[in-house]
Amino acid sequence: MVGRAYELISELYAIINSDKIARMILDIVSARRIYLCGNGGSASNAQHFESDLQSLNIDAICLNNNAARITALTNDYGWEDIYIKQLQHMTDKDILMIFTVHGSTGQMHGDKWSQNLAKAAQFAREHGARVLLFSGCNGGTIIKFADSALTCISGDVDVVEPFHAAACHEICAQIKDTIN
């Protein structure tokens, strides 16, 4: 456990005062609206960050918050399209923020992981929105769509998800400092 904690702290320390965080903050505070999404535990990080941003009076919508909507979209269009169907009104003044442990790399039972996130990132880019990525596995395949990314090397959920949560808290702390 000490090894994982050290890995998390080392990677987080490297980005806290980096230009990447500063760029993300600039994007966040200047956006019209921020859409957030993730799958599994990363969905929880997206949901938590949405709440933190809203507490700072930033217009944020987490696309994975509404179970009834997600299951209806899955039923009608398939799992891969649940996020793009919710981004139909996205503009070039918006941001799509994606949380993922593996960046859409890897597969299980013959199915590629998180293709819904990859499709959402591509959709956002095609519609002129900025894409901010929080990912493990050095960004995986989704990084090619990202305008800005906070990534860690690990693909271990026990390292990546707390890394993302801590980075989000740091972003909010720095936004609060600029507001005050």
N, C-alpha and C. Protein backbone atom coordinates (compact mmCIF):
# COMPACT_ATOMS: atom_id res chain seq x y z
N MET A 1 0.82 -1.21 0.00
CA MET A 1 0.00 0.00 0.00
C MET A 1 0.85 1.26 0.00
N VAL A 2 1.97 1.23 0.70
CA VAL A 2 2.84 2.40 0.74
C VAL A 2 3.33 2.74 -0.66
N GLY A 3 3.62 1.72 -1.47
CA GLY A 3 4.08 1.95 -2.83
C GLY A 3 3.05 2.69 -3.65
N ARG A 4 1.78 2.31 -3.55
CA ARG A 4 0.71 2.98 -4.30
C ARG A 4 0.54 4.42 -3.83
N ALA A 5 0.55 4.61 -2.52
CA ALA A 5 0.40 5.96 -1.98
C ALA A 5 1.56 6.85 -2.43
N TYR A 6 2.76 6.33 -2.40
CA TYR A 6 3.92 7.09 -2.85
C TYR A 6 3.80 7.44 -4.33
N GLU A 7 3.36 6.46 -5.14
CA GLU A 7 3.18 6.70 -6.57
C GLU A 7 2.17 7.83 -6.80
N LEU A 8 1.06 7.79 -6.09
CA LEU A 8 0.03 8.82 -6.22
C LEU A 8 0.57 10.18 -5.83
N ILE A 9 1.20 10.26 -4.69
CA ILE A 9 1.72 11.54 -4.19
C ILE A 9 2.79 12.09 -5.12
N SER A 10 3.67 11.24 -5.60
CA SER A 10 4.73 11.69 -6.50
C SER A 10 4.18 12.28 -7.79
N GLU A 11 3.21 11.59 -8.38
CA GLU A 11 2.65 12.08 -9.63
C GLU A 11 1.82 13.34 -9.41
N LEU A 12 1.08 13.39 -8.32
CA LEU A 12 0.27 14.55 -8.03
C LEU A 12 1.15 15.77 -7.77
N TYR A 13 2.20 15.60 -6.99
CA TYR A 13 3.12 16.69 -6.70
C TYR A 13 3.70 17.28 -7.98
N ALA A 14 3.96 16.43 -8.95
CA ALA A 14 4.55 16.88 -10.21
C ALA A 14 3.62 17.78 -11.01
N ILE A 15 2.30 17.64 -10.82
CA ILE A 15 1.39 18.45 -11.65
C ILE A 15 0.72 19.60 -10.90
N ILE A 16 0.79 19.62 -9.57
CA ILE A 16 0.05 20.62 -8.81
C ILE A 16 0.32 22.04 -9.28
N ASN A 17 1.55 22.41 -9.43
CA ASN A 17 1.88 23.77 -9.84
C ASN A 17 2.27 23.84 -11.31
N SER A 18 1.84 22.88 -12.06
CA SER A 18 2.24 22.83 -13.46
C SER A 18 1.40 23.75 -14.32
N ASP A 19 1.89 23.97 -15.52
CA ASP A 19 1.14 24.76 -16.50
C ASP A 19 -0.16 24.06 -16.88
N LYS A 20 -0.19 22.72 -16.76
CA LYS A 20 -1.41 21.99 -17.12
C LYS A 20 -2.58 22.39 -16.23
N ILE A 21 -2.33 22.49 -14.94
CA ILE A 21 -3.40 22.89 -14.01
C ILE A 21 -3.81 24.33 -14.29
N ALA A 22 -2.86 25.19 -14.50
CA ALA A 22 -3.17 26.60 -14.78
C ALA A 22 -4.00 26.73 -16.05
N ARG A 23 -3.65 25.96 -17.08
CA ARG A 23 -4.41 26.01 -18.34
C ARG A 23 -5.83 25.49 -18.15
N MET A 24 -5.96 24.40 -17.38
CA MET A 24 -7.30 23.87 -17.12
C MET A 24 -8.15 24.88 -16.36
N ILE A 25 -7.58 25.54 -15.40
CA ILE A 25 -8.32 26.54 -14.62
C ILE A 25 -8.78 27.67 -15.53
N LEU A 26 -7.92 28.14 -16.39
CA LEU A 26 -8.29 29.19 -17.33
C LEU A 26 -9.44 28.74 -18.22
N ASP A 27 -9.36 27.51 -18.72
CA ASP A 27 -10.45 26.97 -19.55
C ASP A 27 -11.75 26.89 -18.75
N ILE A 28 -11.67 26.38 -17.53
CA ILE A 28 -12.86 26.18 -16.71
C ILE A 28 -13.58 27.49 -16.42
N VAL A 29 -12.83 28.50 -16.00
CA VAL A 29 -13.48 29.75 -15.60
C VAL A 29 -13.98 30.56 -16.79
N SER A 30 -13.49 30.26 -18.00
CA SER A 30 -13.94 31.00 -19.17
C SER A 30 -14.98 30.25 -20.00
N ALA A 31 -15.31 29.03 -19.61
CA ALA A 31 -16.27 28.23 -20.38
C ALA A 31 -17.70 28.69 -20.14
N ARG A 32 -18.54 28.48 -21.14
CA ARG A 32 -19.98 28.72 -20.99
C ARG A 32 -20.58 27.63 -20.10
N ARG A 33 -20.24 26.39 -20.40
CA ARG A 33 -20.76 25.25 -19.64
C ARG A 33 -19.72 24.15 -19.67
N ILE A 34 -19.66 23.38 -18.60
CA ILE A 34 -18.76 22.24 -18.52
C ILE A 34 -19.60 20.98 -18.40
N TYR A 35 -19.38 20.06 -19.33
CA TYR A 35 -20.00 18.74 -19.28
C TYR A 35 -18.95 17.77 -18.74
N LEU A 36 -19.35 16.91 -17.83
CA LEU A 36 -18.42 15.94 -17.25
C LEU A 36 -18.98 14.54 -17.43
N CYS A 37 -18.07 13.55 -17.59
CA CYS A 37 -18.52 12.16 -17.69
C CYS A 37 -17.39 11.20 -17.35
N GLY A 38 -17.81 10.02 -16.99
CA GLY A 38 -16.89 8.93 -16.70
C GLY A 38 -17.70 7.66 -16.51
N ASN A 39 -17.04 6.55 -16.40
CA ASN A 39 -17.69 5.27 -16.17
C ASN A 39 -17.18 4.67 -14.86
N GLY A 40 -18.05 3.96 -14.15
CA GLY A 40 -17.65 3.31 -12.90
C GLY A 40 -17.21 4.32 -11.86
N GLY A 41 -16.07 4.05 -11.21
CA GLY A 41 -15.55 4.96 -10.19
C GLY A 41 -15.21 6.33 -10.76
N SER A 42 -14.84 6.37 -12.02
CA SER A 42 -14.56 7.66 -12.67
C SER A 42 -15.83 8.48 -12.83
N ALA A 43 -16.97 7.81 -12.94
CA ALA A 43 -18.25 8.53 -12.96
C ALA A 43 -18.47 9.23 -11.64
N SER A 44 -18.07 8.59 -10.55
CA SER A 44 -18.19 9.21 -9.23
C SER A 44 -17.30 10.44 -9.13
N ASN A 45 -16.09 10.36 -9.66
CA ASN A 45 -15.20 11.54 -9.66
C ASN A 45 -15.81 12.67 -10.48
N ALA A 46 -16.40 12.34 -11.63
CA ALA A 46 -17.05 13.36 -12.47
C ALA A 46 -18.20 14.02 -11.71
N GLN A 47 -18.99 13.20 -11.05
CA GLN A 47 -20.13 13.70 -10.28
C GLN A 47 -19.68 14.59 -9.12
N HIS A 48 -18.64 14.18 -8.43
CA HIS A 48 -18.12 14.97 -7.30
C HIS A 48 -17.57 16.31 -7.79
N PHE A 49 -16.82 16.29 -8.90
CA PHE A 49 -16.25 17.53 -9.42
C PHE A 49 -17.34 18.47 -9.92
N GLU A 50 -18.40 17.91 -10.50
CA GLU A 50 -19.54 18.73 -10.92
C GLU A 50 -20.07 19.52 -9.72
N SER A 51 -20.27 18.84 -8.61
CA SER A 51 -20.78 19.49 -7.40
C SER A 51 -19.83 20.58 -6.91
N ASP A 52 -18.54 20.29 -6.91
CA ASP A 52 -17.56 21.29 -6.47
C ASP A 52 -17.56 22.51 -7.39
N LEU A 53 -17.65 22.29 -8.69
CA LEU A 53 -17.68 23.41 -9.63
C LEU A 53 -18.95 24.24 -9.46
N GLN A 54 -20.07 23.57 -9.26
CA GLN A 54 -21.33 24.29 -9.06
C GLN A 54 -21.27 25.14 -7.80
N SER A 55 -20.57 24.67 -6.77
CA SER A 55 -20.44 25.45 -5.54
C SER A 55 -19.62 26.72 -5.77
N LEU A 56 -18.88 26.76 -6.87
CA LEU A 56 -18.11 27.95 -7.25
C LEU A 56 -18.86 28.77 -8.31
N ASN A 57 -20.15 28.49 -8.49
CA ASN A 57 -21.02 29.16 -9.47
C ASN A 57 -20.55 28.97 -10.91
N ILE A 58 -19.99 27.80 -11.18
CA ILE A 58 -19.60 27.43 -12.54
C ILE A 58 -20.66 26.48 -13.07
N ASP A 59 -21.14 26.75 -14.28
CA ASP A 59 -22.19 25.94 -14.89
C ASP A 59 -21.61 24.59 -15.30
N ALA A 60 -21.97 23.55 -14.56
CA ALA A 60 -21.44 22.22 -14.81
C ALA A 60 -22.57 21.19 -14.80
N ILE A 61 -22.50 20.26 -15.75
CA ILE A 61 -23.50 19.20 -15.86
C ILE A 61 -22.78 17.87 -16.00
N CYS A 62 -23.05 16.96 -15.06
CA CYS A 62 -22.47 15.62 -15.13
C CYS A 62 -23.42 14.72 -15.92
N LEU A 63 -22.93 14.18 -17.01
CA LEU A 63 -23.75 13.40 -17.93
C LEU A 63 -24.11 12.02 -17.40
N ASN A 64 -23.44 11.57 -16.34
CA ASN A 64 -23.74 10.24 -15.81
C ASN A 64 -24.53 10.31 -14.51
N ASN A 65 -25.12 11.45 -14.18
CA ASN A 65 -25.87 11.60 -12.93
C ASN A 65 -27.26 10.97 -12.94
N ASN A 66 -27.90 10.92 -14.06
CA ASN A 66 -29.30 10.52 -14.12
C ASN A 66 -29.43 9.07 -14.61
N ALA A 67 -29.65 8.15 -13.68
CA ALA A 67 -29.72 6.72 -14.02
C ALA A 67 -30.85 6.43 -15.01
N ALA A 68 -32.00 7.08 -14.84
CA ALA A 68 -33.12 6.83 -15.75
C ALA A 68 -32.75 7.26 -17.17
N ARG A 69 -32.11 8.40 -17.30
CA ARG A 69 -31.71 8.89 -18.64
C ARG A 69 -30.67 7.96 -19.26
N ILE A 70 -29.67 7.55 -18.47
CA ILE A 70 -28.61 6.68 -18.99
C ILE A 70 -29.18 5.34 -19.45
N THR A 71 -30.08 4.77 -18.66
CA THR A 71 -30.63 3.47 -19.05
C THR A 71 -31.55 3.61 -20.26
N ALA A 72 -32.27 4.72 -20.37
CA ALA A 72 -33.11 4.94 -21.54
C ALA A 72 -32.25 5.12 -22.79
N LEU A 73 -31.20 5.89 -22.69
CA LEU A 73 -30.30 6.09 -23.84
C LEU A 73 -29.61 4.79 -24.23
N THR A 74 -29.22 4.01 -23.23
CA THR A 74 -28.60 2.71 -23.52
C THR A 74 -29.58 1.81 -24.24
N ASN A 75 -30.80 1.80 -23.77
CA ASN A 75 -31.84 0.97 -24.39
C ASN A 75 -32.12 1.42 -25.83
N ASP A 76 -32.22 2.72 -26.05
CA ASP A 76 -32.62 3.24 -27.36
C ASP A 76 -31.47 3.34 -28.37
N TYR A 77 -30.25 3.65 -27.89
CA TYR A 77 -29.14 3.93 -28.81
C TYR A 77 -27.91 3.06 -28.59
N GLY A 78 -27.81 2.41 -27.44
CA GLY A 78 -26.63 1.62 -27.12
C GLY A 78 -25.69 2.38 -26.19
N TRP A 79 -24.92 1.62 -25.45
CA TRP A 79 -24.00 2.17 -24.44
C TRP A 79 -22.99 3.14 -25.05
N GLU A 80 -22.52 2.87 -26.25
CA GLU A 80 -21.48 3.71 -26.84
C GLU A 80 -21.95 5.14 -27.13
N ASP A 81 -23.25 5.36 -27.23
CA ASP A 81 -23.77 6.68 -27.58
C ASP A 81 -24.42 7.44 -26.43
N ILE A 82 -24.32 6.94 -25.20
CA ILE A 82 -25.03 7.60 -24.10
C ILE A 82 -24.55 9.02 -23.84
N TYR A 83 -23.29 9.30 -24.10
CA TYR A 83 -22.80 10.65 -23.85
C TYR A 83 -23.00 11.57 -25.04
N ILE A 84 -22.76 11.09 -26.25
CA ILE A 84 -22.94 12.00 -27.40
C ILE A 84 -24.40 12.41 -27.56
N LYS A 85 -25.32 11.56 -27.17
CA LYS A 85 -26.74 11.92 -27.25
C LYS A 85 -27.08 13.05 -26.28
N GLN A 86 -26.28 13.22 -25.24
CA GLN A 86 -26.51 14.30 -24.27
C GLN A 86 -25.72 15.56 -24.60
N LEU A 87 -24.91 15.51 -25.63
CA LEU A 87 -24.07 16.65 -26.01
C LEU A 87 -24.56 17.37 -27.26
N GLN A 88 -25.78 17.12 -27.65
CA GLN A 88 -26.30 17.67 -28.90
C GLN A 88 -26.35 19.20 -28.93
N HIS A 89 -26.40 19.85 -27.78
CA HIS A 89 -26.46 21.31 -27.72
C HIS A 89 -25.12 21.93 -27.34
N MET A 90 -24.07 21.14 -27.39
CA MET A 90 -22.73 21.62 -27.07
C MET A 90 -22.30 22.68 -28.08
N THR A 91 -21.61 23.70 -27.59
CA THR A 91 -21.09 24.75 -28.47
C THR A 91 -19.58 24.82 -28.35
N ASP A 92 -18.99 25.68 -29.15
CA ASP A 92 -17.53 25.85 -29.09
C ASP A 92 -17.09 26.65 -27.86
N LYS A 93 -18.02 27.07 -27.06
CA LYS A 93 -17.70 27.77 -25.81
C LYS A 93 -17.78 26.83 -24.60
N ASP A 94 -18.03 25.56 -24.87
CA ASP A 94 -18.19 24.56 -23.82
C ASP A 94 -16.94 23.70 -23.68
N ILE A 95 -16.93 22.96 -22.58
CA ILE A 95 -15.85 22.01 -22.28
C ILE A 95 -16.47 20.65 -22.01
N LEU A 96 -15.83 19.62 -22.51
CA LEU A 96 -16.15 18.26 -22.10
C LEU A 96 -14.98 17.78 -21.25
N MET A 97 -15.28 17.39 -20.02
CA MET A 97 -14.27 16.91 -19.09
C MET A 97 -14.50 15.41 -18.90
N ILE A 98 -13.50 14.62 -19.24
CA ILE A 98 -13.61 13.16 -19.19
C ILE A 98 -12.71 12.60 -18.11
N PHE A 99 -13.27 11.68 -17.33
CA PHE A 99 -12.53 10.96 -16.29
C PHE A 99 -12.47 9.50 -16.68
N THR A 100 -11.27 8.92 -16.70
CA THR A 100 -11.11 7.52 -17.06
C THR A 100 -9.83 6.96 -16.46
N VAL A 101 -9.89 5.74 -16.00
CA VAL A 101 -8.70 5.08 -15.45
C VAL A 101 -7.75 4.69 -16.58
N HIS A 102 -8.30 4.18 -17.68
CA HIS A 102 -7.46 3.58 -18.70
C HIS A 102 -7.48 4.30 -20.04
N GLY A 103 -8.22 5.38 -20.15
CA GLY A 103 -8.20 6.17 -21.39
C GLY A 103 -8.73 5.45 -22.60
N SER A 104 -9.62 4.48 -22.38
CA SER A 104 -10.24 3.71 -23.46
C SER A 104 -9.28 2.69 -24.08
N THR A 105 -8.26 2.32 -23.32
CA THR A 105 -7.37 1.25 -23.77
C THR A 105 -7.81 -0.04 -23.08
N GLY A 106 -7.47 -1.13 -23.66
CA GLY A 106 -7.79 -2.42 -23.07
C GLY A 106 -9.16 -2.90 -23.46
N GLN A 107 -9.43 -4.15 -23.11
CA GLN A 107 -10.73 -4.74 -23.42
C GLN A 107 -10.99 -5.92 -22.51
N MET A 108 -12.24 -6.30 -22.45
CA MET A 108 -12.66 -7.45 -21.66
C MET A 108 -13.76 -8.16 -22.44
N HIS A 109 -13.68 -9.45 -22.50
CA HIS A 109 -14.67 -10.27 -23.20
C HIS A 109 -14.84 -9.81 -24.66
N GLY A 110 -13.77 -9.35 -25.26
CA GLY A 110 -13.82 -8.94 -26.67
C GLY A 110 -14.31 -7.53 -26.93
N ASP A 111 -14.78 -6.85 -25.90
CA ASP A 111 -15.28 -5.48 -26.06
C ASP A 111 -14.24 -4.48 -25.57
N LYS A 112 -14.01 -3.44 -26.36
CA LYS A 112 -13.09 -2.38 -25.94
C LYS A 112 -13.73 -1.58 -24.82
N TRP A 113 -12.91 -1.15 -23.87
CA TRP A 113 -13.40 -0.39 -22.73
C TRP A 113 -13.72 1.05 -23.11
N SER A 114 -14.79 1.56 -22.55
CA SER A 114 -15.14 2.99 -22.54
C SER A 114 -15.17 3.64 -23.92
N GLN A 115 -15.72 2.94 -24.88
CA GLN A 115 -15.85 3.54 -26.20
C GLN A 115 -16.81 4.72 -26.17
N ASN A 116 -17.73 4.75 -25.21
CA ASN A 116 -18.62 5.90 -25.07
C ASN A 116 -17.84 7.17 -24.74
N LEU A 117 -16.78 7.05 -23.97
CA LEU A 117 -15.95 8.22 -23.65
C LEU A 117 -15.15 8.67 -24.86
N ALA A 118 -14.60 7.72 -25.59
CA ALA A 118 -13.84 8.06 -26.80
C ALA A 118 -14.74 8.75 -27.82
N LYS A 119 -15.96 8.23 -27.99
CA LYS A 119 -16.89 8.85 -28.95
C LYS A 119 -17.30 10.25 -28.49
N ALA A 120 -17.48 10.43 -27.19
CA ALA A 120 -17.84 11.75 -26.67
C ALA A 120 -16.70 12.75 -26.91
N ALA A 121 -15.47 12.32 -26.67
CA ALA A 121 -14.31 13.20 -26.90
C ALA A 121 -14.22 13.60 -28.36
N GLN A 122 -14.39 12.64 -29.25
CA GLN A 122 -14.34 12.94 -30.69
C GLN A 122 -15.48 13.88 -31.09
N PHE A 123 -16.68 13.62 -30.57
CA PHE A 123 -17.84 14.47 -30.87
C PHE A 123 -17.58 15.91 -30.42
N ALA A 124 -17.07 16.06 -29.20
CA ALA A 124 -16.80 17.40 -28.67
C ALA A 124 -15.79 18.14 -29.54
N ARG A 125 -14.72 17.47 -29.92
CA ARG A 125 -13.71 18.10 -30.77
C ARG A 125 -14.30 18.51 -32.12
N GLU A 126 -15.12 17.64 -32.69
CA GLU A 126 -15.73 17.94 -33.99
C GLU A 126 -16.69 19.12 -33.91
N HIS A 127 -17.19 19.42 -32.71
CA HIS A 127 -18.12 20.53 -32.53
C HIS A 127 -17.44 21.75 -31.91
N GLY A 128 -16.12 21.76 -31.90
CA GLY A 128 -15.36 22.93 -31.49
C GLY A 128 -15.22 23.12 -30.00
N ALA A 129 -15.71 22.20 -29.19
CA ALA A 129 -15.57 22.32 -27.74
C ALA A 129 -14.18 21.86 -27.32
N ARG A 130 -13.73 22.36 -26.19
CA ARG A 130 -12.45 21.92 -25.64
C ARG A 130 -12.67 20.62 -24.87
N VAL A 131 -11.68 19.75 -24.89
CA VAL A 131 -11.74 18.48 -24.18
C VAL A 131 -10.63 18.46 -23.13
N LEU A 132 -11.04 18.32 -21.87
CA LEU A 132 -10.09 18.20 -20.77
C LEU A 132 -10.16 16.76 -20.27
N LEU A 133 -9.02 16.12 -20.19
CA LEU A 133 -8.96 14.70 -19.85
C LEU A 133 -8.24 14.47 -18.54
N PHE A 134 -8.86 13.66 -17.70
CA PHE A 134 -8.23 13.14 -16.48
C PHE A 134 -8.11 11.64 -16.71
N SER A 135 -6.89 11.12 -16.83
CA SER A 135 -6.74 9.72 -17.22
C SER A 135 -5.53 9.07 -16.58
N GLY A 136 -5.60 7.76 -16.46
CA GLY A 136 -4.44 6.93 -16.17
C GLY A 136 -3.88 6.47 -17.50
N CYS A 137 -2.96 5.51 -17.44
CA CYS A 137 -2.37 4.91 -18.66
C CYS A 137 -1.85 5.98 -19.61
N ASN A 138 -1.31 7.06 -19.06
CA ASN A 138 -0.77 8.17 -19.87
C ASN A 138 -1.76 8.73 -20.89
N GLY A 139 -3.06 8.60 -20.61
CA GLY A 139 -4.08 9.17 -21.47
C GLY A 139 -4.74 8.18 -22.41
N GLY A 140 -4.12 7.03 -22.59
CA GLY A 140 -4.71 6.00 -23.44
C GLY A 140 -4.98 6.53 -24.84
N THR A 141 -6.01 6.00 -25.47
CA THR A 141 -6.34 6.42 -26.84
C THR A 141 -7.13 7.72 -26.88
N ILE A 142 -7.74 8.10 -25.75
CA ILE A 142 -8.55 9.33 -25.73
C ILE A 142 -7.68 10.58 -25.78
N ILE A 143 -6.44 10.48 -25.38
CA ILE A 143 -5.59 11.67 -25.29
C ILE A 143 -5.46 12.39 -26.64
N LYS A 144 -5.62 11.67 -27.74
CA LYS A 144 -5.51 12.31 -29.05
C LYS A 144 -6.60 13.35 -29.30
N PHE A 145 -7.69 13.29 -28.51
CA PHE A 145 -8.77 14.26 -28.64
C PHE A 145 -8.67 15.39 -27.61
N ALA A 146 -7.75 15.26 -26.66
CA ALA A 146 -7.69 16.19 -25.53
C ALA A 146 -6.93 17.46 -25.87
N ASP A 147 -7.49 18.58 -25.46
CA ASP A 147 -6.78 19.86 -25.54
C ASP A 147 -5.83 20.00 -24.36
N SER A 148 -6.22 19.41 -23.26
CA SER A 148 -5.41 19.45 -22.04
C SER A 148 -5.67 18.16 -21.27
N ALA A 149 -4.62 17.62 -20.65
CA ALA A 149 -4.78 16.35 -19.96
C ALA A 149 -3.94 16.29 -18.69
N LEU A 150 -4.54 15.78 -17.64
CA LEU A 150 -3.82 15.42 -16.42
C LEU A 150 -3.80 13.90 -16.38
N THR A 151 -2.64 13.34 -16.61
CA THR A 151 -2.54 11.89 -16.69
C THR A 151 -1.52 11.38 -15.68
N CYS A 152 -1.70 10.14 -15.30
CA CYS A 152 -0.67 9.46 -14.53
C CYS A 152 -0.33 8.17 -15.26
N ILE A 153 0.83 7.67 -15.01
CA ILE A 153 1.34 6.50 -15.71
C ILE A 153 0.51 5.27 -15.39
N SER A 154 0.11 5.16 -14.16
CA SER A 154 -0.56 3.95 -13.68
C SER A 154 -1.89 3.69 -14.37
N GLY A 155 -2.23 2.42 -14.47
CA GLY A 155 -3.56 2.00 -14.90
C GLY A 155 -4.28 1.33 -13.75
N ASP A 156 -3.74 1.47 -12.55
CA ASP A 156 -4.30 0.86 -11.34
C ASP A 156 -5.38 1.79 -10.77
N VAL A 157 -6.60 1.29 -10.69
CA VAL A 157 -7.73 2.09 -10.21
C VAL A 157 -7.45 2.68 -8.83
N ASP A 158 -6.70 1.95 -7.99
CA ASP A 158 -6.42 2.43 -6.63
C ASP A 158 -5.44 3.60 -6.61
N VAL A 159 -4.79 3.85 -7.70
CA VAL A 159 -3.89 5.00 -7.83
C VAL A 159 -4.57 6.11 -8.63
N VAL A 160 -5.17 5.75 -9.76
CA VAL A 160 -5.69 6.75 -10.70
C VAL A 160 -6.87 7.53 -10.13
N GLU A 161 -7.86 6.84 -9.57
CA GLU A 161 -9.04 7.56 -9.09
C GLU A 161 -8.73 8.54 -7.96
N PRO A 162 -7.92 8.17 -6.95
CA PRO A 162 -7.56 9.18 -5.94
C PRO A 162 -6.71 10.32 -6.51
N PHE A 163 -5.88 10.02 -7.50
CA PHE A 163 -5.09 11.04 -8.18
C PHE A 163 -6.02 12.08 -8.81
N HIS A 164 -7.05 11.61 -9.50
CA HIS A 164 -8.00 12.52 -10.13
C HIS A 164 -8.75 13.33 -9.09
N ALA A 165 -9.21 12.68 -8.03
CA ALA A 165 -9.95 13.39 -6.98
C ALA A 165 -9.08 14.49 -6.36
N ALA A 166 -7.84 14.16 -6.05
CA ALA A 166 -6.94 15.16 -5.45
C ALA A 166 -6.67 16.31 -6.42
N ALA A 167 -6.48 15.99 -7.69
CA ALA A 167 -6.25 17.05 -8.68
C ALA A 167 -7.46 17.97 -8.79
N CYS A 168 -8.66 17.40 -8.76
CA CYS A 168 -9.87 18.22 -8.83
C CYS A 168 -9.99 19.13 -7.61
N HIS A 169 -9.65 18.62 -6.45
CA HIS A 169 -9.69 19.46 -5.25
C HIS A 169 -8.67 20.59 -5.35
N GLU A 170 -7.51 20.31 -5.90
CA GLU A 170 -6.50 21.35 -6.08
C GLU A 170 -6.98 22.40 -7.07
N ILE A 171 -7.60 21.99 -8.15
CA ILE A 171 -8.14 22.94 -9.13
C ILE A 171 -9.16 23.85 -8.46
N CYS A 172 -10.08 23.28 -7.68
CA CYS A 172 -11.08 24.09 -7.00
C CYS A 172 -10.44 25.04 -6.00
N ALA A 173 -9.44 24.58 -5.28
CA ALA A 173 -8.75 25.45 -4.31
C ALA A 173 -8.10 26.63 -5.02
N GLN A 174 -7.48 26.39 -6.16
CA GLN A 174 -6.84 27.48 -6.91
C GLN A 174 -7.88 28.42 -7.51
N ILE A 175 -9.02 27.88 -7.95
CA ILE A 175 -10.10 28.76 -8.44
C ILE A 175 -10.61 29.65 -7.31
N LYS A 176 -10.82 29.06 -6.14
CA LYS A 176 -11.26 29.85 -4.98
C LYS A 176 -10.28 30.95 -4.66
N ASP A 177 -8.97 30.65 -4.73
CA ASP A 177 -7.95 31.65 -4.45
C ASP A 177 -8.01 32.81 -5.44
N THR A 178 -8.34 32.52 -6.70
CA THR A 178 -8.40 33.61 -7.69
C THR A 178 -9.69 34.42 -7.54
N ILE A 179 -10.74 33.79 -7.01
CA ILE A 179 -12.00 34.50 -6.81
C ILE A 179 -11.88 35.46 -5.63
N ASN A 180 -11.20 35.02 -4.59
CA ASN A 180 -11.08 35.82 -3.34
C ASN A 180 -10.03 36.87 -3.42
